[in-house]
Each structure stands twice: as C-alpha cells, then as structure tokens.
Amino acid sequence: MVTNEHVVGNAKTMDIRLSGGIIIKGTVLRSNPKYDLALIKVDSDGFDALPICKADSTSIDADVFAIGTPFSTELSATVTRGIISGKREANGVRLIQSDVAVNNGNSGGPIINEKGEVTGVTASKLSRIGIEGIGFSISIDELQDALKVIVR
C-alpha cells in the first residue's frame, strides 16, 4: 500500500481502516519526504490490490478518479472525477495536475484511470481565495523511483 509520508509521520506501524469498519495492521517499510510518499506492508491476506497502470496513462485530457476520505471517516471511500489538465514540477518533483476534487483527507489516496488502474497518488491541492479545482498527484512512474519499488 502507498500513501503520503505526512499521513504516516514517524509511525512504524499503524491500523488501517477499510470500508465496512475492517481494521488491518500495517508496517511502514520506507518513506520519502521529498516526494511525500510512504510504502506500507499490509499484514493481512484475502484482499485484492487495485491493478497498477504499467504504462504512462497521464495524457492531458484523460479522465481520472480520486478515492479518499474527505473531512471525516463518515465520508470514507468517496470517489470524485476529473480530467488531467497539465503536468508541473515543484521542488524537483514532477506532478500531474487535474481538476479532480481533492479535499482534506484525500491525501495519499489513489488516482484511478477509466480502466480502474492506479495511475498515481493524491499529493496536494492549490488552495487560495478565488482558486478551486486544482489538485496534484504523483504518477506511478515517479512513485516507483521515489520509493525504489518495481510495479509488476
């Protein structure tokens, strides 16, 4: 499992709450503060992982979906839809810009393409007076480099 580094903080282990109230244990294997990413080993069997997009499917105008828990656990597994509107770089990190709704609590959640494959991880949003609907994610390609993992 991958999430944002700021979500796990200094924790080495954690409880992960799934929809339906199921709680499983997780162990932080590694993190990368520059990219704000953390890799967590889930200590449970019987769950299928979401498929990972193996090719760069982050073309401008592609539909994307964000899954997260905005605001509180009562809104867990919220899905929002948007399009990729650009590619940016901030502090040496390549980001995918989209208008998919990103709210507090969406951090570290997956960004999914139309095939249901994970194409990235929610990273941040631009939040200023008069600005709405500009969110950023880290692509699978960037994630692999940042966490030193190989997606198969």
N, C-alpha and C. Protein backbone atom coordinates (compact mmCIF):
# COMPACT_ATOMS: atom_id res chain seq x y z
N MET A 1 0.85 -1.17 0.00
CA MET A 1 0.00 0.00 0.00
C MET A 1 0.90 1.23 0.00
N VAL A 2 0.46 2.27 -0.68
CA VAL A 2 1.20 3.53 -0.71
C VAL A 2 0.29 4.65 -0.24
N THR A 3 0.85 5.57 0.51
CA THR A 3 0.12 6.76 0.95
C THR A 3 1.13 7.91 1.03
N ASN A 4 0.70 9.02 1.56
CA ASN A 4 1.61 10.15 1.74
C ASN A 4 2.43 9.98 3.00
N GLU A 5 3.66 10.44 2.96
CA GLU A 5 4.55 10.38 4.12
C GLU A 5 3.99 11.19 5.28
N HIS A 6 3.34 12.32 4.99
CA HIS A 6 2.79 13.13 6.09
C HIS A 6 1.61 12.44 6.79
N VAL A 7 1.01 11.46 6.13
CA VAL A 7 -0.09 10.71 6.74
C VAL A 7 0.44 9.75 7.81
N VAL A 8 1.58 9.12 7.54
CA VAL A 8 2.13 8.15 8.50
C VAL A 8 3.04 8.81 9.53
N GLY A 9 3.62 9.97 9.19
CA GLY A 9 4.50 10.66 10.13
C GLY A 9 5.67 9.79 10.54
N ASN A 10 5.93 9.70 11.83
CA ASN A 10 7.04 8.90 12.36
C ASN A 10 6.63 7.48 12.74
N ALA A 11 5.38 7.12 12.48
CA ALA A 11 4.89 5.80 12.86
C ALA A 11 5.64 4.70 12.13
N LYS A 12 5.87 3.60 12.81
CA LYS A 12 6.47 2.41 12.20
C LYS A 12 5.39 1.38 11.88
N THR A 13 4.33 1.37 12.67
CA THR A 13 3.18 0.50 12.44
C THR A 13 1.91 1.34 12.57
N MET A 14 0.81 0.81 12.03
CA MET A 14 -0.44 1.55 12.10
C MET A 14 -1.63 0.64 11.86
N ASP A 15 -2.78 1.10 12.29
CA ASP A 15 -4.03 0.45 11.97
C ASP A 15 -4.58 1.11 10.72
N ILE A 16 -5.03 0.29 9.78
CA ILE A 16 -5.59 0.78 8.53
C ILE A 16 -7.06 0.38 8.52
N ARG A 17 -7.92 1.39 8.44
CA ARG A 17 -9.36 1.16 8.46
C ARG A 17 -9.88 1.06 7.03
N LEU A 18 -10.50 -0.06 6.72
CA LEU A 18 -11.09 -0.28 5.41
C LEU A 18 -12.58 0.02 5.47
N SER A 19 -13.20 0.12 4.30
CA SER A 19 -14.65 0.33 4.29
C SER A 19 -15.31 -0.87 4.97
N GLY A 20 -16.40 -0.62 5.60
CA GLY A 20 -17.09 -1.67 6.35
C GLY A 20 -16.55 -1.82 7.76
N GLY A 21 -15.61 -0.96 8.16
CA GLY A 21 -15.10 -0.97 9.52
C GLY A 21 -13.99 -1.97 9.80
N ILE A 22 -13.55 -2.68 8.79
CA ILE A 22 -12.47 -3.66 8.98
C ILE A 22 -11.16 -2.91 9.25
N ILE A 23 -10.42 -3.38 10.26
CA ILE A 23 -9.13 -2.77 10.59
C ILE A 23 -8.05 -3.82 10.42
N ILE A 24 -7.00 -3.47 9.66
CA ILE A 24 -5.86 -4.36 9.47
C ILE A 24 -4.59 -3.64 9.90
N LYS A 25 -3.57 -4.41 10.18
CA LYS A 25 -2.29 -3.85 10.62
C LYS A 25 -1.40 -3.56 9.42
N GLY A 26 -0.61 -2.51 9.54
CA GLY A 26 0.34 -2.16 8.50
C GLY A 26 1.67 -1.77 9.10
N THR A 27 2.75 -2.02 8.36
CA THR A 27 4.11 -1.67 8.77
C THR A 27 4.73 -0.77 7.71
N VAL A 28 5.25 0.37 8.14
CA VAL A 28 5.90 1.29 7.20
C VAL A 28 7.24 0.69 6.81
N LEU A 29 7.41 0.40 5.53
CA LEU A 29 8.66 -0.18 5.03
C LEU A 29 9.68 0.89 4.67
N ARG A 30 9.20 1.94 4.04
CA ARG A 30 10.09 3.06 3.69
C ARG A 30 9.26 4.28 3.37
N SER A 31 9.91 5.42 3.44
CA SER A 31 9.23 6.66 3.09
C SER A 31 10.22 7.59 2.39
N ASN A 32 9.66 8.59 1.72
CA ASN A 32 10.46 9.57 1.01
C ASN A 32 9.83 10.93 1.25
N PRO A 33 10.40 11.73 2.18
CA PRO A 33 9.82 13.03 2.49
C PRO A 33 9.81 14.02 1.32
N LYS A 34 10.81 13.95 0.44
CA LYS A 34 10.85 14.88 -0.70
C LYS A 34 9.61 14.70 -1.57
N TYR A 35 9.20 13.46 -1.77
CA TYR A 35 8.04 13.15 -2.60
C TYR A 35 6.76 13.01 -1.77
N ASP A 36 6.88 13.07 -0.45
CA ASP A 36 5.75 12.90 0.46
C ASP A 36 5.06 11.56 0.21
N LEU A 37 5.85 10.49 0.13
CA LEU A 37 5.32 9.14 -0.12
C LEU A 37 5.80 8.17 0.95
N ALA A 38 4.96 7.18 1.26
CA ALA A 38 5.32 6.12 2.19
C ALA A 38 4.79 4.79 1.66
N LEU A 39 5.61 3.74 1.80
CA LEU A 39 5.25 2.39 1.40
C LEU A 39 4.92 1.60 2.66
N ILE A 40 3.74 1.00 2.68
CA ILE A 40 3.27 0.26 3.86
C ILE A 40 2.98 -1.18 3.47
N LYS A 41 3.51 -2.11 4.26
CA LYS A 41 3.20 -3.53 4.08
C LYS A 41 1.94 -3.83 4.90
N VAL A 42 0.96 -4.39 4.23
CA VAL A 42 -0.30 -4.73 4.89
C VAL A 42 -0.20 -6.16 5.40
N ASP A 43 -0.45 -6.35 6.70
CA ASP A 43 -0.31 -7.65 7.33
C ASP A 43 -1.64 -8.39 7.35
N SER A 44 -2.14 -8.73 6.15
CA SER A 44 -3.41 -9.42 6.07
C SER A 44 -3.53 -10.09 4.70
N ASP A 45 -4.22 -11.20 4.67
CA ASP A 45 -4.49 -11.90 3.42
C ASP A 45 -5.96 -11.73 3.08
N GLY A 46 -6.31 -12.09 1.87
CA GLY A 46 -7.71 -12.09 1.48
C GLY A 46 -8.19 -10.80 0.87
N PHE A 47 -7.29 -9.88 0.59
CA PHE A 47 -7.67 -8.62 -0.03
C PHE A 47 -6.94 -8.50 -1.36
N ASP A 48 -7.66 -8.08 -2.38
CA ASP A 48 -7.05 -7.87 -3.69
C ASP A 48 -6.58 -6.43 -3.79
N ALA A 49 -5.40 -6.26 -4.33
CA ALA A 49 -4.87 -4.92 -4.58
C ALA A 49 -5.50 -4.36 -5.85
N LEU A 50 -5.59 -3.06 -5.92
CA LEU A 50 -6.03 -2.43 -7.16
C LEU A 50 -4.95 -2.64 -8.22
N PRO A 51 -5.34 -2.85 -9.46
CA PRO A 51 -4.32 -3.03 -10.52
C PRO A 51 -3.56 -1.73 -10.74
N ILE A 52 -2.30 -1.85 -11.08
CA ILE A 52 -1.43 -0.72 -11.32
C ILE A 52 -1.28 -0.50 -12.82
N CYS A 53 -1.39 0.72 -13.25
CA CYS A 53 -1.19 1.06 -14.66
C CYS A 53 0.30 0.94 -14.98
N LYS A 54 0.64 0.10 -15.92
CA LYS A 54 2.05 -0.14 -16.23
C LYS A 54 2.60 0.84 -17.26
N ALA A 55 1.75 1.47 -18.01
CA ALA A 55 2.20 2.46 -19.00
C ALA A 55 1.73 3.84 -18.55
N ASP A 56 2.44 4.85 -18.95
CA ASP A 56 2.08 6.21 -18.57
C ASP A 56 0.73 6.56 -19.21
N SER A 57 -0.31 6.63 -18.38
CA SER A 57 -1.64 6.96 -18.88
C SER A 57 -2.06 8.33 -18.37
N THR A 58 -1.10 9.20 -18.29
CA THR A 58 -1.38 10.51 -17.73
C THR A 58 -1.39 11.58 -18.82
N SER A 59 -2.03 11.27 -19.93
CA SER A 59 -2.10 12.26 -21.01
C SER A 59 -3.08 13.37 -20.64
N ILE A 60 -2.78 14.55 -21.13
CA ILE A 60 -3.66 15.69 -20.90
C ILE A 60 -5.03 15.33 -21.46
N ASP A 61 -6.07 15.61 -20.73
CA ASP A 61 -7.49 15.40 -21.00
C ASP A 61 -7.99 14.00 -20.65
N ALA A 62 -7.11 13.13 -20.09
CA ALA A 62 -7.56 11.80 -19.65
C ALA A 62 -8.43 11.92 -18.40
N ASP A 63 -9.48 11.13 -18.34
CA ASP A 63 -10.33 11.09 -17.14
C ASP A 63 -9.60 10.40 -16.01
N VAL A 64 -9.75 10.93 -14.80
CA VAL A 64 -9.18 10.32 -13.60
C VAL A 64 -10.20 10.39 -12.48
N PHE A 65 -10.02 9.49 -11.52
CA PHE A 65 -10.91 9.42 -10.37
C PHE A 65 -10.05 9.39 -9.11
N ALA A 66 -10.45 10.11 -8.09
CA ALA A 66 -9.74 10.10 -6.81
C ALA A 66 -10.62 9.39 -5.79
N ILE A 67 -10.00 8.53 -4.99
CA ILE A 67 -10.71 7.84 -3.91
C ILE A 67 -10.08 8.31 -2.61
N GLY A 68 -10.92 8.71 -1.67
CA GLY A 68 -10.38 9.19 -0.41
C GLY A 68 -11.42 9.32 0.67
N THR A 69 -11.01 9.92 1.75
CA THR A 69 -11.87 10.14 2.91
C THR A 69 -11.85 11.62 3.25
N PRO A 70 -12.58 12.43 2.48
CA PRO A 70 -12.55 13.86 2.75
C PRO A 70 -13.26 14.21 4.05
N PHE A 71 -12.62 14.98 4.86
CA PHE A 71 -13.15 15.57 6.07
C PHE A 71 -13.27 14.60 7.25
N SER A 72 -13.99 13.48 7.10
CA SER A 72 -14.16 12.56 8.23
C SER A 72 -14.41 11.15 7.72
N THR A 73 -14.28 10.18 8.63
CA THR A 73 -14.49 8.78 8.23
C THR A 73 -15.92 8.51 7.78
N GLU A 74 -16.85 9.37 8.12
CA GLU A 74 -18.23 9.21 7.65
C GLU A 74 -18.32 9.33 6.13
N LEU A 75 -17.31 9.97 5.53
CA LEU A 75 -17.29 10.15 4.08
C LEU A 75 -16.25 9.25 3.41
N SER A 76 -15.88 8.16 4.09
CA SER A 76 -14.85 7.27 3.53
C SER A 76 -15.29 6.69 2.20
N ALA A 77 -14.30 6.36 1.38
CA ALA A 77 -14.50 5.77 0.06
C ALA A 77 -15.26 6.70 -0.89
N THR A 78 -15.10 8.00 -0.71
CA THR A 78 -15.68 8.97 -1.63
C THR A 78 -14.89 8.95 -2.94
N VAL A 79 -15.61 8.94 -4.06
CA VAL A 79 -14.99 8.95 -5.37
C VAL A 79 -15.37 10.25 -6.08
N THR A 80 -14.36 10.94 -6.62
CA THR A 80 -14.60 12.14 -7.42
C THR A 80 -13.94 11.96 -8.78
N ARG A 81 -14.45 12.69 -9.77
CA ARG A 81 -13.98 12.54 -11.14
C ARG A 81 -13.47 13.86 -11.69
N GLY A 82 -12.44 13.78 -12.51
CA GLY A 82 -11.91 14.97 -13.16
C GLY A 82 -11.10 14.60 -14.38
N ILE A 83 -10.38 15.57 -14.91
CA ILE A 83 -9.50 15.31 -16.05
C ILE A 83 -8.11 15.82 -15.74
N ILE A 84 -7.14 15.20 -16.38
CA ILE A 84 -5.77 15.69 -16.26
C ILE A 84 -5.67 16.95 -17.11
N SER A 85 -5.21 18.02 -16.49
CA SER A 85 -5.16 19.30 -17.19
C SER A 85 -3.75 19.82 -17.41
N GLY A 86 -2.75 19.14 -16.83
CA GLY A 86 -1.38 19.59 -17.04
C GLY A 86 -0.38 18.74 -16.30
N LYS A 87 0.88 19.01 -16.58
CA LYS A 87 1.98 18.37 -15.86
C LYS A 87 2.88 19.49 -15.38
N ARG A 88 3.24 19.43 -14.11
CA ARG A 88 4.00 20.51 -13.48
C ARG A 88 5.19 19.93 -12.73
N GLU A 89 6.06 20.82 -12.29
CA GLU A 89 7.16 20.42 -11.43
C GLU A 89 7.24 21.41 -10.28
N ALA A 90 7.40 20.88 -9.07
CA ALA A 90 7.54 21.72 -7.87
C ALA A 90 8.61 21.10 -6.99
N ASN A 91 9.62 21.87 -6.65
CA ASN A 91 10.71 21.42 -5.79
C ASN A 91 11.35 20.12 -6.29
N GLY A 92 11.50 20.00 -7.60
CA GLY A 92 12.14 18.84 -8.18
C GLY A 92 11.26 17.61 -8.28
N VAL A 93 9.97 17.74 -8.00
CA VAL A 93 9.02 16.62 -8.08
C VAL A 93 8.06 16.89 -9.23
N ARG A 94 7.96 15.93 -10.15
CA ARG A 94 7.01 16.04 -11.26
C ARG A 94 5.62 15.68 -10.76
N LEU A 95 4.66 16.54 -11.05
CA LEU A 95 3.29 16.36 -10.59
C LEU A 95 2.33 16.36 -11.76
N ILE A 96 1.23 15.63 -11.59
CA ILE A 96 0.15 15.62 -12.56
C ILE A 96 -0.94 16.55 -12.01
N GLN A 97 -1.34 17.53 -12.81
CA GLN A 97 -2.38 18.47 -12.39
C GLN A 97 -3.72 18.00 -12.95
N SER A 98 -4.75 18.03 -12.10
CA SER A 98 -6.08 17.68 -12.56
C SER A 98 -7.11 18.53 -11.83
N ASP A 99 -8.34 18.44 -12.32
CA ASP A 99 -9.42 19.14 -11.63
C ASP A 99 -10.27 18.18 -10.79
N VAL A 100 -9.76 16.97 -10.55
CA VAL A 100 -10.46 16.04 -9.67
C VAL A 100 -10.51 16.65 -8.27
N ALA A 101 -11.64 16.54 -7.58
CA ALA A 101 -11.79 17.16 -6.26
C ALA A 101 -10.84 16.53 -5.26
N VAL A 102 -10.01 17.36 -4.65
CA VAL A 102 -9.08 16.94 -3.61
C VAL A 102 -9.42 17.75 -2.36
N ASN A 103 -9.75 17.05 -1.30
CA ASN A 103 -10.12 17.70 -0.05
C ASN A 103 -9.26 17.16 1.08
N ASN A 104 -9.28 17.84 2.24
CA ASN A 104 -8.57 17.32 3.40
C ASN A 104 -9.03 15.89 3.64
N GLY A 105 -8.10 14.99 3.76
CA GLY A 105 -8.42 13.57 3.95
C GLY A 105 -8.22 12.74 2.70
N ASN A 106 -8.12 13.39 1.53
CA ASN A 106 -7.84 12.65 0.30
C ASN A 106 -6.36 12.33 0.17
N SER A 107 -5.52 12.96 0.98
CA SER A 107 -4.07 12.76 0.88
C SER A 107 -3.71 11.29 0.88
N GLY A 108 -2.88 10.90 -0.07
CA GLY A 108 -2.38 9.52 -0.12
C GLY A 108 -3.32 8.54 -0.76
N GLY A 109 -4.49 8.97 -1.15
CA GLY A 109 -5.43 8.08 -1.81
C GLY A 109 -5.06 7.88 -3.27
N PRO A 110 -5.56 6.83 -3.88
CA PRO A 110 -5.20 6.55 -5.27
C PRO A 110 -5.90 7.45 -6.26
N ILE A 111 -5.23 7.67 -7.38
CA ILE A 111 -5.82 8.28 -8.56
C ILE A 111 -5.96 7.13 -9.56
N ILE A 112 -7.16 6.94 -10.08
CA ILE A 112 -7.51 5.79 -10.90
C ILE A 112 -7.86 6.25 -12.31
N ASN A 113 -7.46 5.48 -13.33
CA ASN A 113 -7.87 5.80 -14.70
C ASN A 113 -9.22 5.12 -15.01
N GLU A 114 -9.70 5.29 -16.24
CA GLU A 114 -11.00 4.73 -16.63
C GLU A 114 -11.04 3.21 -16.62
N LYS A 115 -9.87 2.56 -16.67
CA LYS A 115 -9.80 1.11 -16.65
C LYS A 115 -9.79 0.57 -15.22
N GLY A 116 -9.80 1.47 -14.22
CA GLY A 116 -9.74 1.04 -12.84
C GLY A 116 -8.34 0.79 -12.33
N GLU A 117 -7.33 1.26 -13.07
CA GLU A 117 -5.93 1.06 -12.70
C GLU A 117 -5.41 2.29 -11.95
N VAL A 118 -4.57 2.05 -10.95
CA VAL A 118 -3.96 3.16 -10.22
C VAL A 118 -2.91 3.81 -11.10
N THR A 119 -3.05 5.11 -11.32
CA THR A 119 -2.08 5.86 -12.13
C THR A 119 -1.25 6.81 -11.27
N GLY A 120 -1.66 7.00 -10.02
CA GLY A 120 -0.92 7.91 -9.16
C GLY A 120 -1.49 7.95 -7.76
N VAL A 121 -0.92 8.86 -6.96
CA VAL A 121 -1.31 9.04 -5.56
C VAL A 121 -1.58 10.53 -5.35
N THR A 122 -2.71 10.83 -4.72
CA THR A 122 -3.05 12.22 -4.42
C THR A 122 -1.96 12.84 -3.58
N ALA A 123 -1.50 14.02 -3.97
CA ALA A 123 -0.40 14.66 -3.27
C ALA A 123 -0.85 15.95 -2.58
N SER A 124 -1.53 16.84 -3.31
CA SER A 124 -1.88 18.14 -2.73
C SER A 124 -2.90 18.84 -3.60
N LYS A 125 -3.32 20.00 -3.13
CA LYS A 125 -4.19 20.85 -3.94
C LYS A 125 -3.74 22.29 -3.77
N LEU A 126 -4.07 23.09 -4.75
CA LEU A 126 -3.80 24.51 -4.67
C LEU A 126 -4.99 25.15 -4.00
N SER A 127 -4.76 25.86 -2.93
CA SER A 127 -5.86 26.41 -2.15
C SER A 127 -5.58 27.88 -1.83
N ARG A 128 -6.27 28.73 -2.53
CA ARG A 128 -6.18 30.17 -2.31
C ARG A 128 -7.54 30.79 -2.60
N ILE A 129 -7.76 31.98 -2.12
CA ILE A 129 -9.01 32.67 -2.41
C ILE A 129 -9.16 32.81 -3.92
N GLY A 130 -10.29 32.40 -4.43
CA GLY A 130 -10.57 32.50 -5.85
C GLY A 130 -10.07 31.35 -6.69
N ILE A 131 -9.44 30.35 -6.07
CA ILE A 131 -8.93 29.19 -6.81
C ILE A 131 -9.61 27.94 -6.30
N GLU A 132 -10.19 27.18 -7.22
CA GLU A 132 -10.81 25.91 -6.87
C GLU A 132 -10.48 24.88 -7.93
N GLY A 133 -10.45 23.63 -7.55
CA GLY A 133 -10.35 22.54 -8.50
C GLY A 133 -8.99 22.33 -9.14
N ILE A 134 -7.91 22.65 -8.42
CA ILE A 134 -6.59 22.36 -8.95
C ILE A 134 -5.90 21.43 -7.96
N GLY A 135 -5.83 20.15 -8.33
CA GLY A 135 -5.21 19.15 -7.47
C GLY A 135 -3.98 18.56 -8.15
N PHE A 136 -3.11 17.97 -7.35
CA PHE A 136 -1.88 17.40 -7.87
C PHE A 136 -1.70 15.98 -7.36
N SER A 137 -1.14 15.14 -8.21
CA SER A 137 -0.84 13.76 -7.82
C SER A 137 0.54 13.38 -8.34
N ILE A 138 1.07 12.33 -7.76
CA ILE A 138 2.37 11.79 -8.16
C ILE A 138 2.11 10.54 -8.98
N SER A 139 2.69 10.48 -10.17
CA SER A 139 2.43 9.35 -11.07
C SER A 139 3.09 8.07 -10.56
N ILE A 140 2.62 6.95 -11.08
CA ILE A 140 3.19 5.65 -10.74
C ILE A 140 4.67 5.61 -11.09
N ASP A 141 5.04 6.17 -12.23
CA ASP A 141 6.45 6.18 -12.63
C ASP A 141 7.31 6.90 -11.61
N GLU A 142 6.87 8.08 -11.19
CA GLU A 142 7.60 8.87 -10.20
C GLU A 142 7.63 8.14 -8.85
N LEU A 143 6.52 7.51 -8.50
CA LEU A 143 6.41 6.77 -7.24
C LEU A 143 7.41 5.63 -7.19
N GLN A 144 7.53 4.89 -8.29
CA GLN A 144 8.49 3.77 -8.33
C GLN A 144 9.91 4.25 -8.06
N ASP A 145 10.28 5.36 -8.67
CA ASP A 145 11.62 5.91 -8.46
C ASP A 145 11.80 6.39 -7.02
N ALA A 146 10.80 7.09 -6.50
CA ALA A 146 10.90 7.69 -5.17
C ALA A 146 10.97 6.64 -4.05
N LEU A 147 10.23 5.54 -4.21
CA LEU A 147 10.18 4.51 -3.16
C LEU A 147 11.02 3.28 -3.48
N LYS A 148 11.68 3.29 -4.62
CA LYS A 148 12.54 2.18 -5.04
C LYS A 148 11.78 0.86 -5.08
N VAL A 149 10.64 0.90 -5.78
CA VAL A 149 9.83 -0.32 -5.96
C VAL A 149 9.62 -0.54 -7.45
N ILE A 150 9.34 -1.77 -7.81
CA ILE A 150 9.06 -2.12 -9.18
C ILE A 150 7.62 -2.63 -9.25
N VAL A 151 6.83 -2.01 -10.10
CA VAL A 151 5.45 -2.44 -10.30
C VAL A 151 5.44 -3.53 -11.34
N ARG A 152 4.81 -4.66 -11.01
CA ARG A 152 4.75 -5.81 -11.94
C ARG A 152 3.38 -5.96 -12.50
